[in-house]
N, C-alpha and C. Protein backbone atom coordinates (compact mmCIF):
# COMPACT_ATOMS: atom_id res chain seq x y z
N MET A 1 12.96 -25.62 -100.35
CA MET A 1 13.25 -26.46 -99.66
C MET A 1 14.01 -26.70 -98.41
N HIS A 2 15.42 -26.44 -98.85
CA HIS A 2 16.38 -26.77 -98.13
C HIS A 2 16.34 -26.11 -96.37
N THR A 3 16.14 -24.84 -96.74
CA THR A 3 15.85 -24.04 -95.14
C THR A 3 14.27 -24.40 -94.51
N SER A 4 13.54 -24.95 -95.50
CA SER A 4 12.65 -25.48 -94.17
C SER A 4 12.75 -26.40 -93.24
N THR A 5 13.67 -27.50 -94.36
CA THR A 5 13.89 -28.86 -93.76
C THR A 5 14.48 -28.33 -92.44
N GLN A 6 15.83 -27.20 -92.68
CA GLN A 6 16.70 -27.07 -91.55
C GLN A 6 15.86 -26.26 -90.12
N GLU A 7 14.80 -25.06 -90.65
CA GLU A 7 14.16 -24.65 -90.09
C GLU A 7 13.39 -25.57 -89.12
N LYS A 8 12.76 -26.63 -89.28
CA LYS A 8 12.23 -27.65 -88.72
C LYS A 8 13.50 -28.19 -87.85
N ASP A 9 14.28 -28.40 -88.32
CA ASP A 9 15.04 -29.44 -87.19
C ASP A 9 15.88 -27.96 -86.10
N GLU A 10 15.76 -27.11 -86.45
CA GLU A 10 16.16 -26.04 -85.41
C GLU A 10 15.26 -26.09 -84.21
N ARG A 11 13.80 -25.96 -84.69
CA ARG A 11 12.72 -26.08 -83.93
C ARG A 11 12.45 -27.53 -83.47
N ARG A 12 13.03 -28.66 -84.07
CA ARG A 12 12.71 -29.58 -83.27
C ARG A 12 13.93 -29.91 -82.57
N THR A 13 15.11 -29.08 -82.39
CA THR A 13 16.02 -29.71 -81.56
C THR A 13 16.02 -28.41 -80.59
N ARG A 14 15.48 -27.38 -80.60
CA ARG A 14 15.38 -25.90 -79.48
C ARG A 14 13.69 -26.85 -78.49
N ARG A 15 12.61 -27.88 -79.11
CA ARG A 15 12.04 -28.66 -78.66
C ARG A 15 12.78 -29.19 -77.88
N ILE A 16 13.88 -30.08 -77.58
CA ILE A 16 14.38 -31.66 -77.16
C ILE A 16 15.07 -30.39 -76.20
N TYR A 17 16.07 -29.50 -76.22
CA TYR A 17 16.36 -29.03 -74.88
C TYR A 17 15.67 -27.71 -73.95
N LEU A 18 14.27 -27.61 -74.77
CA LEU A 18 13.31 -27.15 -73.73
C LEU A 18 12.79 -28.47 -72.99
N TYR A 19 12.23 -29.22 -73.66
CA TYR A 19 11.58 -30.34 -72.48
C TYR A 19 13.08 -31.18 -71.92
N ILE A 20 14.06 -31.16 -72.18
CA ILE A 20 14.76 -31.58 -71.53
C ILE A 20 15.21 -30.53 -70.14
N PHE A 21 15.37 -29.40 -70.55
CA PHE A 21 15.31 -28.15 -69.36
C PHE A 21 13.89 -28.17 -68.33
N TYR A 22 12.83 -28.52 -68.95
CA TYR A 22 11.65 -28.82 -67.79
C TYR A 22 11.71 -29.99 -66.68
N LEU A 23 12.14 -31.11 -67.85
CA LEU A 23 12.78 -32.22 -66.86
C LEU A 23 13.60 -32.15 -65.80
N CYS A 24 14.65 -31.63 -66.27
CA CYS A 24 15.68 -31.31 -65.15
C CYS A 24 15.31 -30.41 -64.04
N SER A 25 14.34 -29.47 -64.63
CA SER A 25 13.96 -28.26 -63.17
C SER A 25 12.95 -29.05 -62.77
N VAL A 26 12.03 -29.82 -63.00
CA VAL A 26 10.88 -30.42 -62.39
C VAL A 26 12.05 -31.66 -60.98
N MET A 27 12.53 -32.46 -61.67
CA MET A 27 13.71 -33.01 -60.94
C MET A 27 14.32 -32.53 -60.10
N MET A 28 14.84 -30.90 -60.30
CA MET A 28 15.57 -30.12 -59.07
C MET A 28 14.66 -29.82 -57.81
N ALA A 29 13.61 -29.45 -58.61
CA ALA A 29 12.26 -28.95 -57.29
C ALA A 29 12.01 -30.53 -56.51
N ILE A 30 11.51 -31.25 -57.41
CA ILE A 30 11.12 -32.74 -56.20
C ILE A 30 12.48 -32.92 -55.22
N ILE A 31 13.66 -33.43 -55.79
CA ILE A 31 15.07 -33.44 -54.92
C ILE A 31 15.11 -32.50 -54.01
N THR A 32 14.76 -30.94 -54.05
CA THR A 32 15.22 -30.23 -52.94
C THR A 32 13.84 -29.90 -52.50
N PHE A 33 12.84 -29.99 -52.53
CA PHE A 33 11.59 -30.54 -51.87
C PHE A 33 11.76 -31.96 -51.01
N TYR A 34 11.59 -32.60 -51.48
CA TYR A 34 12.37 -33.81 -50.69
C TYR A 34 12.91 -33.53 -49.05
N ALA A 35 14.06 -33.37 -49.88
CA ALA A 35 15.17 -33.36 -48.80
C ALA A 35 14.87 -31.63 -47.71
N LEU A 36 14.32 -30.39 -48.15
CA LEU A 36 13.96 -30.06 -47.26
C LEU A 36 13.00 -30.10 -46.23
N PHE A 37 11.99 -31.32 -46.75
CA PHE A 37 10.78 -31.98 -45.63
C PHE A 37 11.39 -32.77 -44.67
N VAL A 38 12.02 -33.78 -45.41
CA VAL A 38 13.01 -34.68 -44.45
C VAL A 38 14.12 -33.90 -43.57
N SER A 39 14.13 -33.09 -43.93
CA SER A 39 15.47 -32.50 -43.41
C SER A 39 14.66 -31.59 -42.24
N ILE A 40 13.52 -31.07 -42.61
CA ILE A 40 12.85 -30.23 -41.46
C ILE A 40 12.25 -31.23 -40.34
N ASP A 41 12.15 -32.50 -40.85
CA ASP A 41 11.43 -33.20 -40.18
C ASP A 41 12.10 -33.83 -38.94
N GLU A 42 13.42 -34.11 -39.46
CA GLU A 42 14.44 -34.44 -38.45
C GLU A 42 15.12 -33.34 -37.64
N TYR A 43 14.91 -32.35 -38.03
CA TYR A 43 15.21 -31.27 -36.93
C TYR A 43 14.18 -31.06 -35.70
N ILE A 44 13.29 -30.82 -36.30
CA ILE A 44 12.20 -30.62 -35.16
C ILE A 44 12.25 -31.91 -34.52
N LYS A 45 12.40 -33.22 -34.61
CA LYS A 45 12.90 -34.81 -34.01
C LYS A 45 13.79 -34.45 -32.99
N THR A 46 15.01 -34.40 -34.00
CA THR A 46 16.14 -34.06 -32.55
C THR A 46 16.62 -32.90 -32.65
N GLY A 47 16.60 -32.54 -33.02
CA GLY A 47 17.55 -30.41 -32.92
C GLY A 47 18.59 -30.33 -33.99
N LYS A 48 18.75 -31.20 -34.75
CA LYS A 48 19.82 -31.28 -35.50
C LYS A 48 19.24 -31.92 -37.01
N VAL A 49 20.69 -31.15 -37.58
CA VAL A 49 20.64 -31.13 -39.88
C VAL A 49 21.93 -31.10 -40.06
N VAL A 50 22.65 -32.27 -40.58
CA VAL A 50 23.42 -32.11 -41.59
C VAL A 50 23.23 -31.38 -42.84
N ILE A 51 23.44 -30.66 -43.54
CA ILE A 51 23.27 -29.73 -44.96
C ILE A 51 23.73 -31.14 -45.87
N GLY A 52 22.65 -31.51 -46.69
CA GLY A 52 22.96 -32.57 -47.50
C GLY A 52 23.06 -33.80 -47.57
N GLU A 53 23.31 -33.85 -46.03
CA GLU A 53 23.12 -35.63 -45.72
C GLU A 53 21.67 -36.41 -46.11
N ILE A 54 20.78 -36.04 -46.26
CA ILE A 54 19.55 -36.93 -46.89
C ILE A 54 19.25 -37.04 -48.05
N LEU A 55 20.06 -36.26 -48.65
CA LEU A 55 20.72 -36.53 -50.62
C LEU A 55 21.55 -37.62 -50.39
N VAL A 56 22.63 -37.79 -49.70
CA VAL A 56 24.02 -38.44 -49.50
C VAL A 56 22.92 -39.75 -49.41
N GLU A 57 22.25 -39.96 -48.30
CA GLU A 57 21.83 -41.40 -47.80
C GLU A 57 20.97 -41.84 -48.78
N THR A 58 19.92 -41.02 -49.63
CA THR A 58 18.54 -41.78 -50.15
C THR A 58 19.37 -42.46 -51.55
N GLU A 59 19.02 -43.60 -52.12
CA GLU A 59 19.57 -44.03 -53.34
C GLU A 59 18.33 -44.29 -53.64
N PHE A 60 18.22 -43.94 -54.89
CA PHE A 60 17.11 -43.97 -55.93
C PHE A 60 16.93 -44.38 -57.13
N PRO A 61 16.44 -45.20 -57.89
CA PRO A 61 15.19 -45.75 -57.35
C PRO A 61 14.76 -47.23 -56.47
N MET A 62 16.35 -47.52 -56.20
CA MET A 62 16.43 -48.43 -55.31
C MET A 62 17.73 -48.45 -54.81
N LYS A 63 17.99 -49.24 -53.27
CA LYS A 63 19.16 -49.45 -52.86
C LYS A 63 20.05 -49.96 -53.67
N GLY A 64 21.30 -49.37 -53.69
CA GLY A 64 22.76 -49.86 -54.46
C GLY A 64 22.49 -48.35 -55.70
N LEU A 65 21.54 -47.84 -56.17
CA LEU A 65 21.88 -47.17 -57.40
C LEU A 65 22.18 -45.73 -56.74
N ALA A 66 21.93 -44.94 -57.73
CA ALA A 66 22.44 -43.76 -57.82
C ALA A 66 21.85 -43.46 -56.37
N LYS A 67 22.79 -41.68 -56.01
CA LYS A 67 21.93 -41.33 -54.63
C LYS A 67 21.75 -40.31 -55.20
N LEU A 68 20.56 -39.23 -54.70
CA LEU A 68 19.75 -38.30 -55.13
C LEU A 68 20.55 -37.08 -55.15
N VAL A 69 21.68 -37.21 -54.33
CA VAL A 69 22.98 -35.99 -54.89
C VAL A 69 23.83 -36.04 -55.95
N THR A 70 23.71 -37.19 -56.26
CA THR A 70 24.26 -37.51 -57.79
C THR A 70 23.05 -36.93 -59.09
N TYR A 71 21.86 -37.39 -58.87
CA TYR A 71 20.86 -36.79 -59.61
C TYR A 71 20.71 -35.34 -59.45
N LEU A 72 21.03 -35.22 -58.56
CA LEU A 72 21.06 -33.01 -58.38
C LEU A 72 22.14 -32.54 -59.04
N MET A 73 23.17 -32.99 -58.94
CA MET A 73 24.65 -32.88 -59.49
C MET A 73 24.43 -32.77 -61.10
N ILE A 74 23.71 -34.14 -61.64
CA ILE A 74 23.66 -33.71 -62.96
C ILE A 74 22.57 -33.16 -63.92
N VAL A 75 21.22 -32.84 -62.98
CA VAL A 75 20.28 -32.20 -63.57
C VAL A 75 20.52 -30.55 -63.25
N THR A 76 21.44 -30.33 -62.32
CA THR A 76 21.83 -29.00 -62.60
C THR A 76 22.55 -28.34 -63.90
N VAL A 77 23.83 -29.38 -63.94
CA VAL A 77 25.07 -29.09 -65.22
C VAL A 77 23.63 -29.16 -66.30
N VAL A 78 23.16 -30.20 -66.62
CA VAL A 78 22.23 -30.60 -68.01
C VAL A 78 21.38 -29.44 -68.19
N SER A 79 20.29 -28.66 -66.75
CA SER A 79 19.46 -27.86 -66.88
C SER A 79 20.45 -26.23 -67.48
N TRP A 80 21.39 -26.17 -66.80
CA TRP A 80 21.77 -24.68 -67.40
C TRP A 80 22.76 -25.17 -69.15
N TYR A 81 22.75 -26.35 -69.01
CA TYR A 81 23.49 -26.51 -70.53
C TYR A 81 22.22 -26.12 -71.65
N CYS A 82 21.12 -26.69 -71.30
CA CYS A 82 20.12 -26.01 -72.19
C CYS A 82 19.60 -25.33 -71.73
N VAL A 83 19.92 -24.21 -71.07
CA VAL A 83 19.31 -23.03 -70.76
C VAL A 83 20.34 -22.08 -71.89
N THR A 84 21.87 -22.47 -71.71
CA THR A 84 22.59 -21.64 -72.87
C THR A 84 22.57 -22.04 -74.39
N LYS A 85 22.19 -23.19 -74.50
CA LYS A 85 22.02 -24.01 -75.79
C LYS A 85 20.42 -23.09 -76.46
N LEU A 86 19.45 -22.47 -75.51
CA LEU A 86 18.01 -22.37 -75.59
C LEU A 86 18.55 -20.63 -75.64
N GLY A 87 18.98 -19.90 -75.20
CA GLY A 87 19.45 -18.61 -74.96
C GLY A 87 20.84 -18.19 -74.79
N GLY A 88 21.74 -19.06 -75.42
CA GLY A 88 22.91 -18.38 -75.43
C GLY A 88 23.69 -17.40 -76.52
N ASP A 89 23.05 -17.53 -77.79
CA ASP A 89 22.71 -16.37 -78.58
C ASP A 89 22.82 -14.92 -78.31
N LYS A 90 21.95 -14.75 -77.21
CA LYS A 90 21.21 -13.78 -76.35
C LYS A 90 22.33 -12.95 -76.18
N VAL A 91 23.59 -13.16 -75.99
CA VAL A 91 24.57 -12.85 -75.44
C VAL A 91 25.35 -11.89 -76.13
N LYS A 92 25.06 -12.68 -77.54
CA LYS A 92 25.97 -11.50 -78.81
C LYS A 92 25.10 -10.07 -78.70
N ASN A 93 23.91 -9.90 -78.41
CA ASN A 93 23.52 -8.76 -77.88
C ASN A 93 23.94 -7.77 -77.01
N ILE A 94 24.38 -8.22 -76.09
CA ILE A 94 24.45 -7.57 -74.74
C ILE A 94 25.52 -6.69 -75.13
N PRO A 95 25.61 -5.10 -74.67
CA PRO A 95 26.96 -4.84 -74.70
C PRO A 95 28.07 -4.91 -73.94
N ASP A 96 29.54 -4.65 -74.69
CA ASP A 96 30.57 -4.99 -74.50
C ASP A 96 31.02 -4.52 -72.92
N SER A 97 30.28 -3.74 -72.17
CA SER A 97 30.79 -3.14 -71.03
C SER A 97 29.86 -3.89 -69.87
N MET A 98 28.78 -4.79 -70.52
CA MET A 98 28.19 -5.11 -69.62
C MET A 98 28.12 -6.84 -69.63
N LYS A 99 29.31 -7.54 -71.33
CA LYS A 99 29.64 -8.44 -71.08
C LYS A 99 30.68 -8.55 -69.89
N ALA A 100 31.72 -7.60 -70.12
CA ALA A 100 32.87 -7.10 -69.35
C ALA A 100 32.67 -7.64 -67.78
N VAL A 101 31.37 -7.05 -67.21
CA VAL A 101 31.00 -7.03 -65.82
C VAL A 101 30.80 -8.83 -65.65
N LEU A 102 29.53 -9.18 -66.50
CA LEU A 102 28.90 -10.50 -66.25
C LEU A 102 30.15 -11.55 -66.54
N GLN A 103 31.50 -11.40 -67.28
CA GLN A 103 32.45 -12.27 -67.29
C GLN A 103 33.01 -12.42 -65.73
N LEU A 104 33.58 -10.83 -65.22
CA LEU A 104 34.16 -10.96 -63.66
C LEU A 104 33.70 -11.63 -62.90
N ILE A 105 32.37 -11.04 -63.31
CA ILE A 105 31.44 -12.01 -61.87
C ILE A 105 31.68 -13.44 -61.75
N VAL A 106 30.87 -14.02 -63.27
CA VAL A 106 31.17 -15.62 -63.46
C VAL A 106 32.46 -16.26 -63.18
N LEU A 107 33.84 -15.41 -63.59
CA LEU A 107 35.23 -15.59 -63.39
C LEU A 107 35.14 -15.81 -61.38
N GLY A 108 34.51 -14.76 -61.10
CA GLY A 108 34.74 -15.13 -59.20
C GLY A 108 34.32 -15.84 -58.88
N ILE A 109 32.69 -16.16 -59.42
CA ILE A 109 31.91 -17.23 -58.63
C ILE A 109 32.97 -18.47 -59.27
N GLY A 110 33.52 -19.07 -60.71
CA GLY A 110 34.35 -19.90 -61.00
C GLY A 110 35.61 -20.08 -60.17
N VAL A 111 36.37 -19.22 -59.60
CA VAL A 111 37.27 -19.00 -58.85
C VAL A 111 37.06 -19.45 -57.54
N ILE A 112 35.77 -19.23 -56.67
CA ILE A 112 35.27 -19.77 -55.60
C ILE A 112 34.93 -20.92 -55.92
N ALA A 113 34.22 -21.38 -56.60
CA ALA A 113 33.80 -22.79 -56.73
C ALA A 113 34.94 -23.63 -56.81
N LEU A 114 36.08 -23.55 -57.77
CA LEU A 114 37.47 -24.32 -57.86
C LEU A 114 38.00 -24.15 -56.44
N TYR A 115 37.82 -23.52 -55.70
CA TYR A 115 38.08 -23.65 -54.64
C TYR A 115 37.53 -24.52 -53.33
N GLU A 116 36.46 -24.15 -53.10
CA GLU A 116 35.79 -24.98 -52.65
C GLU A 116 35.43 -26.19 -52.78
N PHE A 117 35.41 -26.95 -54.50
CA PHE A 117 35.31 -28.32 -54.81
C PHE A 117 37.24 -28.90 -54.10
N ILE A 118 38.05 -28.19 -54.45
CA ILE A 118 39.31 -28.48 -54.03
C ILE A 118 39.48 -28.53 -52.43
N TYR A 119 38.68 -27.82 -51.90
CA TYR A 119 38.87 -27.72 -50.41
C TYR A 119 37.88 -28.89 -49.73
N ASN A 120 36.97 -29.03 -50.23
CA ASN A 120 35.99 -29.96 -50.01
C ASN A 120 36.31 -31.66 -50.08
N PHE A 121 36.96 -31.74 -51.47
CA PHE A 121 37.45 -33.03 -51.70
C PHE A 121 39.00 -33.55 -51.20
N ILE A 122 39.56 -32.33 -50.61
CA ILE A 122 40.77 -32.85 -50.03
C ILE A 122 40.44 -33.32 -48.67
N ILE A 123 39.25 -32.27 -47.78
CA ILE A 123 39.08 -32.82 -46.35
C ILE A 123 38.35 -33.99 -46.11
N TRP A 124 37.68 -34.12 -47.36
CA TRP A 124 36.98 -35.51 -47.35
C TRP A 124 37.85 -36.65 -47.71
N ASN A 125 38.80 -36.55 -48.24
CA ASN A 125 39.73 -37.60 -48.56
C ASN A 125 40.95 -37.54 -47.66
N SER A 126 40.62 -36.49 -46.71
CA SER A 126 41.96 -36.57 -45.52
C SER A 126 41.44 -37.29 -44.38
N LEU A 127 39.62 -37.03 -44.13
CA LEU A 127 39.18 -37.80 -43.41
C LEU A 127 38.84 -39.21 -43.44
N ILE A 128 38.60 -39.71 -44.76
CA ILE A 128 38.33 -40.85 -45.27
C ILE A 128 39.87 -41.60 -44.78
N THR A 129 40.81 -40.96 -45.02
CA THR A 129 42.57 -41.72 -44.79
C THR A 129 42.63 -42.17 -43.55
N ALA A 130 42.20 -40.53 -42.58
CA ALA A 130 42.25 -40.96 -41.43
C ALA A 130 41.33 -42.01 -40.74
N ASP A 131 40.04 -42.21 -41.35
CA ASP A 131 39.57 -43.44 -40.54
C ASP A 131 40.04 -44.49 -40.91
N VAL A 132 40.53 -44.78 -42.54
CA VAL A 132 40.94 -46.21 -42.67
C VAL A 132 42.25 -46.54 -41.86
N ILE A 133 42.76 -45.32 -41.66
CA ILE A 133 44.02 -45.94 -40.48
C ILE A 133 43.70 -46.37 -39.15
N ASN A 134 42.61 -46.13 -38.87
CA ASN A 134 41.94 -46.64 -37.91
C ASN A 134 40.93 -47.80 -37.86
N GLY A 135 40.87 -48.35 -38.90
CA GLY A 135 39.91 -49.05 -38.90
C GLY A 135 38.74 -49.24 -39.35
N ILE A 136 37.97 -48.16 -39.84
CA ILE A 136 36.88 -47.45 -40.33
C ILE A 136 36.63 -47.30 -41.60
N PHE A 137 35.39 -47.79 -42.26
CA PHE A 137 35.57 -47.62 -43.33
C PHE A 137 34.11 -46.73 -43.78
N ARG A 138 34.09 -45.63 -43.77
CA ARG A 138 33.04 -45.11 -44.04
C ARG A 138 33.17 -43.81 -45.41
N LEU A 139 32.25 -43.58 -46.11
CA LEU A 139 32.49 -42.66 -47.20
C LEU A 139 31.11 -41.46 -47.37
N ASP A 140 30.53 -41.95 -47.02
CA ASP A 140 29.17 -41.11 -46.97
C ASP A 140 28.81 -40.07 -46.10
N ASP A 141 28.90 -40.81 -44.78
CA ASP A 141 29.02 -40.24 -43.87
C ASP A 141 29.54 -39.05 -42.61
N ILE A 142 30.51 -38.63 -43.64
CA ILE A 142 31.38 -37.67 -43.06
C ILE A 142 31.14 -36.18 -42.99
N ASN A 143 31.04 -35.80 -42.27
CA ASN A 143 30.43 -34.09 -42.37
C ASN A 143 31.33 -33.39 -41.84
N ILE A 144 31.67 -32.06 -42.19
CA ILE A 144 32.45 -30.89 -41.23
C ILE A 144 31.49 -29.93 -41.02
N ALA A 145 31.90 -29.40 -39.76
CA ALA A 145 31.21 -28.47 -39.07
C ALA A 145 32.13 -27.30 -39.43
N TYR A 146 31.72 -26.76 -40.66
CA TYR A 146 32.31 -25.46 -41.19
C TYR A 146 31.16 -25.15 -42.33
N PRO A 147 30.62 -23.86 -42.47
CA PRO A 147 31.31 -22.48 -41.35
C PRO A 147 30.68 -22.45 -40.45
N ASN A 148 29.62 -23.13 -40.11
CA ASN A 148 28.93 -23.27 -39.08
C ASN A 148 28.81 -23.75 -38.23
N PRO A 149 29.76 -24.12 -37.09
CA PRO A 149 29.62 -25.47 -36.18
C PRO A 149 28.11 -25.93 -35.59
N LYS A 150 27.31 -25.15 -35.64
CA LYS A 150 25.86 -25.66 -35.58
C LYS A 150 25.20 -26.34 -36.52
N ILE A 151 25.60 -26.17 -37.54
CA ILE A 151 25.13 -26.64 -39.07
C ILE A 151 26.33 -27.56 -40.02
N PRO A 152 26.40 -28.55 -39.58
CA PRO A 152 27.26 -28.88 -40.52
C PRO A 152 27.10 -29.63 -42.06
N TRP A 153 28.10 -29.54 -43.01
CA TRP A 153 27.55 -30.11 -43.88
C TRP A 153 28.19 -31.23 -44.38
N ASN A 154 27.54 -32.33 -45.21
CA ASN A 154 27.83 -33.57 -45.17
C ASN A 154 28.92 -33.15 -46.36
N LEU A 155 30.02 -34.06 -46.79
CA LEU A 155 31.39 -33.93 -47.69
C LEU A 155 30.86 -34.23 -48.89
N VAL A 156 30.28 -35.19 -48.92
CA VAL A 156 29.87 -35.93 -50.38
C VAL A 156 29.08 -34.89 -50.93
N PHE A 157 27.93 -34.44 -50.55
CA PHE A 157 27.23 -33.46 -50.85
C PHE A 157 27.89 -32.03 -51.28
N ALA A 158 28.65 -31.49 -50.21
CA ALA A 158 29.81 -30.11 -50.82
C ALA A 158 30.29 -30.53 -51.63
N THR A 159 31.22 -31.72 -52.17
CA THR A 159 32.05 -31.96 -53.29
C THR A 159 31.56 -32.05 -54.43
N LYS A 160 30.04 -32.35 -54.01
CA LYS A 160 29.44 -33.25 -55.65
C LYS A 160 29.07 -31.21 -56.16
N MET A 161 28.72 -30.76 -55.06
CA MET A 161 27.79 -29.49 -55.49
C MET A 161 28.74 -28.09 -56.05
N SER A 162 29.94 -28.37 -55.76
CA SER A 162 30.89 -27.41 -55.67
C SER A 162 31.22 -27.63 -56.78
N LEU A 163 31.39 -29.18 -56.98
CA LEU A 163 31.87 -29.24 -58.79
C LEU A 163 30.98 -28.83 -59.68
N SER A 164 29.53 -29.25 -59.25
CA SER A 164 28.26 -28.18 -60.59
C SER A 164 28.90 -27.22 -60.52
N ALA A 165 28.80 -26.50 -59.75
CA ALA A 165 29.15 -24.89 -59.58
C ALA A 165 30.29 -24.30 -60.57
N LEU A 166 31.29 -24.97 -60.12
CA LEU A 166 32.32 -25.33 -61.29
C LEU A 166 32.13 -25.33 -62.29
N LEU A 167 31.72 -26.19 -62.87
CA LEU A 167 31.23 -26.41 -64.21
C LEU A 167 30.21 -25.55 -65.46
N ILE A 168 29.45 -25.29 -63.90
CA ILE A 168 28.26 -24.33 -64.41
C ILE A 168 29.18 -22.66 -64.69
N SER A 169 30.05 -22.71 -63.54
CA SER A 169 30.84 -21.12 -64.26
C SER A 169 31.69 -21.33 -65.13
N ALA A 170 32.03 -22.21 -64.98
CA ALA A 170 33.18 -22.22 -66.58
C ALA A 170 32.56 -22.43 -67.68
N HIS A 171 31.37 -23.01 -68.05
CA HIS A 171 30.63 -23.27 -69.12
C HIS A 171 30.22 -21.72 -69.34
N GLY A 172 29.76 -20.92 -67.93
CA GLY A 172 29.10 -19.65 -68.31
C GLY A 172 30.20 -18.91 -68.31
N PHE A 173 31.44 -18.93 -68.36
CA PHE A 173 32.22 -17.99 -68.71
C PHE A 173 32.89 -18.06 -70.26
N TYR A 174 32.46 -19.53 -70.86
CA TYR A 174 32.98 -19.85 -72.10
C TYR A 174 31.69 -19.23 -72.92
N THR A 175 30.59 -19.28 -72.72
CA THR A 175 29.60 -18.75 -73.56
C THR A 175 29.68 -17.15 -73.61
N ILE A 176 29.92 -16.83 -72.47
CA ILE A 176 29.97 -15.10 -72.58
C ILE A 176 31.62 -14.72 -73.50
N SER A 177 32.04 -15.70 -73.22
CA SER A 177 33.69 -15.10 -73.85
C SER A 177 34.06 -15.44 -75.53
N LYS A 178 32.71 -16.13 -76.13
CA LYS A 178 33.10 -16.85 -77.19
C LYS A 178 32.55 -16.18 -78.19
N HIS A 179 31.66 -15.16 -77.28
CA HIS A 179 30.96 -14.11 -78.78
C HIS A 179 32.49 -12.62 -78.13
N LYS A 180 32.85 -12.56 -79.48
CA LYS A 180 34.20 -11.63 -79.27
C LYS A 180 33.12 -10.31 -79.03
N PHE A 181 34.34 -9.25 -78.70
CA PHE A 181 33.62 -8.30 -78.25
C PHE A 181 34.03 -7.01 -79.52
N ARG A 182 33.26 -6.49 -79.63
CA ARG A 182 33.53 -5.41 -80.97
C ARG A 182 34.74 -4.84 -80.90
């Protein structure tokens, strides 16, 4: 009797992770398509686009609440977590040589994400400070024309998404590493 109760609980838990993953995936798709649609429309009208700006400017479900970029950051991390809970045990069956390669790849991605997060955060804070010294208070509409001067990136978007990438890569590295090599 104990094993059937435990099996039911495991199936129920797995179903919860699956539902949350699907919900997060749908939310990511909706947010992404909305941003693409509005950005393309803006580009057609003005000939300019700032990567991520529409996600930072749009507050949902009403003005004064969370921005779409915050929702996107949260659902990417939560969906990754659900994926690892659903399939994380599959890592045990991967050959050690493949685990080593995956660890190195994820470590490289993590280092890049860490650098990008720190870089974007420092630039964002520096520009906020410079603005405040000049009597201007703006947080969300600061962008940087890097890496392509023709296509600037909103720093709130860049910072939040690089943080998301850092969290995902760190968790991925942990997930691969927790299964001991033979």
